[in-house]
Amino acid sequence: MSDESASKARYELVEERAIIAAHARGEAVRCPRCDVPMTSRALGGGSFGLGYARRRSWLLCPNCRRSVLFDTARGTRN
């Protein structure tokens, strides 16, 4: 994959932060590139034997297919 196509496949860090902040405020999140409503999917996680289970949110743009995956409680990608 070329650098140009890789940059087109992801949001800029500033865009990701704005998307996550809007989601945390409970706003309807719109794609910063396409200006269409993003689809939200909740993801569970964790492993058996661990003392926690991660809750993640996955916001997807139905138009350009970009997405942001983040830890719901912390509002971070990791």
N, C-alpha and C. Protein backbone atom coordinates (compact mmCIF):
# COMPACT_ATOMS: atom_id res chain seq x y z
N MET A 1 0.85 -1.17 0.00
CA MET A 1 0.00 0.00 0.00
C MET A 1 0.89 1.23 0.00
N SER A 2 0.62 2.16 -0.87
CA SER A 2 1.42 3.38 -0.94
C SER A 2 1.07 4.33 0.19
N ASP A 3 1.97 5.29 0.45
CA ASP A 3 1.71 6.28 1.49
C ASP A 3 0.45 7.08 1.19
N GLU A 4 0.23 7.36 -0.08
CA GLU A 4 -0.95 8.14 -0.48
C GLU A 4 -2.24 7.39 -0.19
N SER A 5 -2.31 6.11 -0.53
CA SER A 5 -3.53 5.35 -0.28
C SER A 5 -3.73 5.09 1.20
N ALA A 6 -2.65 4.94 1.96
CA ALA A 6 -2.77 4.75 3.41
C ALA A 6 -3.32 6.01 4.06
N SER A 7 -2.90 7.18 3.59
CA SER A 7 -3.40 8.42 4.18
C SER A 7 -4.86 8.65 3.84
N LYS A 8 -5.32 8.12 2.72
CA LYS A 8 -6.72 8.27 2.34
C LYS A 8 -7.62 7.32 3.14
N ALA A 9 -7.07 6.24 3.65
CA ALA A 9 -7.85 5.23 4.33
C ALA A 9 -8.13 5.56 5.79
N ARG A 10 -7.46 6.54 6.34
CA ARG A 10 -7.62 6.89 7.76
C ARG A 10 -7.98 8.35 7.91
N TYR A 11 -8.61 8.62 9.04
CA TYR A 11 -8.83 10.01 9.42
C TYR A 11 -7.53 10.57 9.97
N GLU A 12 -7.38 11.87 9.91
CA GLU A 12 -6.27 12.54 10.57
C GLU A 12 -6.52 12.44 12.08
N LEU A 13 -5.48 12.54 12.88
CA LEU A 13 -5.60 12.44 14.33
C LEU A 13 -6.56 13.50 14.88
N VAL A 14 -6.52 14.70 14.33
CA VAL A 14 -7.42 15.77 14.77
C VAL A 14 -8.87 15.39 14.49
N GLU A 15 -9.11 14.78 13.33
CA GLU A 15 -10.46 14.35 12.97
C GLU A 15 -10.95 13.25 13.92
N GLU A 16 -10.08 12.28 14.23
CA GLU A 16 -10.45 11.21 15.14
C GLU A 16 -10.82 11.76 16.51
N ARG A 17 -10.02 12.69 17.01
CA ARG A 17 -10.30 13.28 18.32
C ARG A 17 -11.63 14.01 18.33
N ALA A 18 -11.95 14.72 17.25
CA ALA A 18 -13.22 15.44 17.15
C ALA A 18 -14.40 14.46 17.11
N ILE A 19 -14.24 13.36 16.40
CA ILE A 19 -15.28 12.33 16.33
C ILE A 19 -15.53 11.73 17.71
N ILE A 20 -14.46 11.37 18.40
CA ILE A 20 -14.57 10.76 19.73
C ILE A 20 -15.19 11.75 20.72
N ALA A 21 -14.80 13.01 20.65
CA ALA A 21 -15.35 14.03 21.55
C ALA A 21 -16.85 14.22 21.30
N ALA A 22 -17.26 14.27 20.05
CA ALA A 22 -18.68 14.42 19.73
C ALA A 22 -19.47 13.22 20.24
N HIS A 23 -18.92 12.03 20.08
CA HIS A 23 -19.59 10.82 20.58
C HIS A 23 -19.71 10.86 22.10
N ALA A 24 -18.68 11.31 22.78
CA ALA A 24 -18.70 11.39 24.24
C ALA A 24 -19.74 12.40 24.74
N ARG A 25 -19.99 13.44 23.97
CA ARG A 25 -21.01 14.43 24.33
C ARG A 25 -22.42 13.96 24.01
N GLY A 26 -22.53 12.81 23.35
CA GLY A 26 -23.84 12.27 23.01
C GLY A 26 -24.43 12.86 21.74
N GLU A 27 -23.62 13.53 20.95
CA GLU A 27 -24.08 14.14 19.71
C GLU A 27 -24.16 13.09 18.60
N ALA A 28 -24.98 13.37 17.60
CA ALA A 28 -24.99 12.54 16.40
C ALA A 28 -23.71 12.85 15.64
N VAL A 29 -22.88 11.85 15.45
CA VAL A 29 -21.56 12.07 14.85
C VAL A 29 -21.67 12.02 13.33
N ARG A 30 -21.04 12.99 12.69
CA ARG A 30 -21.01 13.06 11.23
C ARG A 30 -19.57 12.92 10.76
N CYS A 31 -19.39 12.26 9.62
CA CYS A 31 -18.06 12.09 9.05
C CYS A 31 -17.49 13.47 8.70
N PRO A 32 -16.28 13.77 9.15
CA PRO A 32 -15.70 15.08 8.84
C PRO A 32 -15.32 15.24 7.36
N ARG A 33 -15.24 14.15 6.63
CA ARG A 33 -14.88 14.23 5.21
C ARG A 33 -16.12 14.24 4.31
N CYS A 34 -17.12 13.44 4.65
CA CYS A 34 -18.30 13.29 3.79
C CYS A 34 -19.51 14.05 4.30
N ASP A 35 -19.51 14.41 5.57
CA ASP A 35 -20.62 15.09 6.22
C ASP A 35 -21.91 14.26 6.17
N VAL A 36 -21.77 12.95 6.38
CA VAL A 36 -22.92 12.06 6.50
C VAL A 36 -22.92 11.46 7.91
N PRO A 37 -24.08 11.07 8.44
CA PRO A 37 -24.11 10.45 9.77
C PRO A 37 -23.31 9.17 9.79
N MET A 38 -22.54 8.99 10.86
CA MET A 38 -21.74 7.78 11.01
C MET A 38 -22.56 6.72 11.73
N THR A 39 -22.31 5.47 11.40
CA THR A 39 -22.97 4.34 12.02
C THR A 39 -22.16 3.93 13.25
N SER A 40 -22.85 3.63 14.34
CA SER A 40 -22.17 3.26 15.58
C SER A 40 -22.40 1.78 15.87
N ARG A 41 -21.33 1.11 16.25
CA ARG A 41 -21.42 -0.29 16.68
C ARG A 41 -20.68 -0.44 17.99
N ALA A 42 -21.32 -1.05 18.94
CA ALA A 42 -20.68 -1.32 20.23
C ALA A 42 -19.99 -2.68 20.16
N LEU A 43 -18.81 -2.77 20.70
CA LEU A 43 -18.05 -4.01 20.70
C LEU A 43 -17.69 -4.37 22.13
N GLY A 44 -17.96 -5.59 22.51
CA GLY A 44 -17.52 -6.08 23.81
C GLY A 44 -16.13 -6.66 23.66
N GLY A 45 -15.53 -7.05 24.74
CA GLY A 45 -14.21 -7.64 24.62
C GLY A 45 -13.71 -8.13 25.95
N GLY A 46 -12.47 -8.49 25.96
CA GLY A 46 -11.87 -9.06 27.15
C GLY A 46 -11.65 -10.54 26.94
N SER A 47 -10.94 -11.12 27.83
CA SER A 47 -10.63 -12.53 27.73
C SER A 47 -11.03 -13.24 29.00
N PHE A 48 -11.30 -14.49 28.90
CA PHE A 48 -11.60 -15.28 30.08
C PHE A 48 -10.40 -15.26 31.00
N GLY A 49 -10.65 -15.10 32.28
CA GLY A 49 -9.56 -15.09 33.24
C GLY A 49 -9.03 -13.70 33.55
N LEU A 50 -9.41 -12.71 32.78
CA LEU A 50 -8.99 -11.35 33.07
C LEU A 50 -10.05 -10.67 33.93
N GLY A 51 -9.63 -9.71 34.71
CA GLY A 51 -10.53 -9.03 35.61
C GLY A 51 -11.27 -7.87 35.00
N TYR A 52 -11.29 -7.77 33.72
CA TYR A 52 -11.98 -6.65 33.08
C TYR A 52 -12.55 -7.09 31.73
N ALA A 53 -13.43 -6.30 31.24
CA ALA A 53 -13.95 -6.50 29.88
C ALA A 53 -14.00 -5.12 29.24
N ARG A 54 -13.31 -4.97 28.16
CA ARG A 54 -13.30 -3.68 27.46
C ARG A 54 -14.61 -3.46 26.74
N ARG A 55 -15.05 -2.23 26.76
CA ARG A 55 -16.20 -1.84 25.95
C ARG A 55 -15.70 -0.82 24.95
N ARG A 56 -15.83 -1.15 23.70
CA ARG A 56 -15.34 -0.28 22.64
C ARG A 56 -16.49 0.17 21.76
N SER A 57 -16.29 1.30 21.15
CA SER A 57 -17.23 1.81 20.16
C SER A 57 -16.52 1.87 18.82
N TRP A 58 -17.27 1.57 17.79
CA TRP A 58 -16.73 1.59 16.44
C TRP A 58 -17.66 2.46 15.62
N LEU A 59 -17.16 3.59 15.16
CA LEU A 59 -17.95 4.50 14.35
C LEU A 59 -17.48 4.38 12.90
N LEU A 60 -18.42 4.14 12.00
CA LEU A 60 -18.10 3.89 10.60
C LEU A 60 -18.84 4.88 9.71
N CYS A 61 -18.16 5.33 8.68
CA CYS A 61 -18.79 6.18 7.67
C CYS A 61 -19.30 5.28 6.56
N PRO A 62 -20.60 5.30 6.28
CA PRO A 62 -21.13 4.43 5.22
C PRO A 62 -20.75 4.88 3.82
N ASN A 63 -20.26 6.11 3.69
CA ASN A 63 -19.92 6.63 2.37
C ASN A 63 -18.46 6.36 2.01
N CYS A 64 -17.52 6.86 2.80
CA CYS A 64 -16.09 6.71 2.47
C CYS A 64 -15.45 5.49 3.11
N ARG A 65 -16.19 4.81 4.00
CA ARG A 65 -15.75 3.57 4.65
C ARG A 65 -14.63 3.77 5.68
N ARG A 66 -14.35 5.00 6.06
CA ARG A 66 -13.38 5.21 7.13
C ARG A 66 -14.06 4.88 8.46
N SER A 67 -13.26 4.57 9.47
CA SER A 67 -13.84 4.26 10.76
C SER A 67 -12.89 4.65 11.89
N VAL A 68 -13.46 4.73 13.08
CA VAL A 68 -12.70 5.02 14.30
C VAL A 68 -13.13 3.99 15.34
N LEU A 69 -12.17 3.31 15.92
CA LEU A 69 -12.42 2.34 16.97
C LEU A 69 -11.76 2.85 18.24
N PHE A 70 -12.51 2.90 19.35
CA PHE A 70 -11.93 3.45 20.57
C PHE A 70 -12.57 2.84 21.80
N ASP A 71 -11.84 2.92 22.90
CA ASP A 71 -12.31 2.46 24.20
C ASP A 71 -13.36 3.46 24.68
N THR A 72 -14.58 3.00 24.92
CA THR A 72 -15.69 3.89 25.26
C THR A 72 -15.46 4.63 26.57
N ALA A 73 -14.98 3.96 27.59
CA ALA A 73 -14.81 4.60 28.89
C ALA A 73 -13.69 5.63 28.89
N ARG A 74 -12.60 5.33 28.21
CA ARG A 74 -11.45 6.24 28.23
C ARG A 74 -11.46 7.23 27.08
N GLY A 75 -12.17 6.93 26.02
CA GLY A 75 -12.17 7.80 24.86
C GLY A 75 -10.86 7.81 24.10
N THR A 76 -10.16 6.68 24.14
CA THR A 76 -8.88 6.57 23.45
C THR A 76 -8.90 5.39 22.50
N ARG A 77 -7.97 5.40 21.56
CA ARG A 77 -7.88 4.29 20.60
C ARG A 77 -7.31 3.04 21.24
N ASN A 78 -6.51 3.16 22.27
CA ASN A 78 -5.88 1.98 22.90
C ASN A 78 -6.45 1.71 24.26
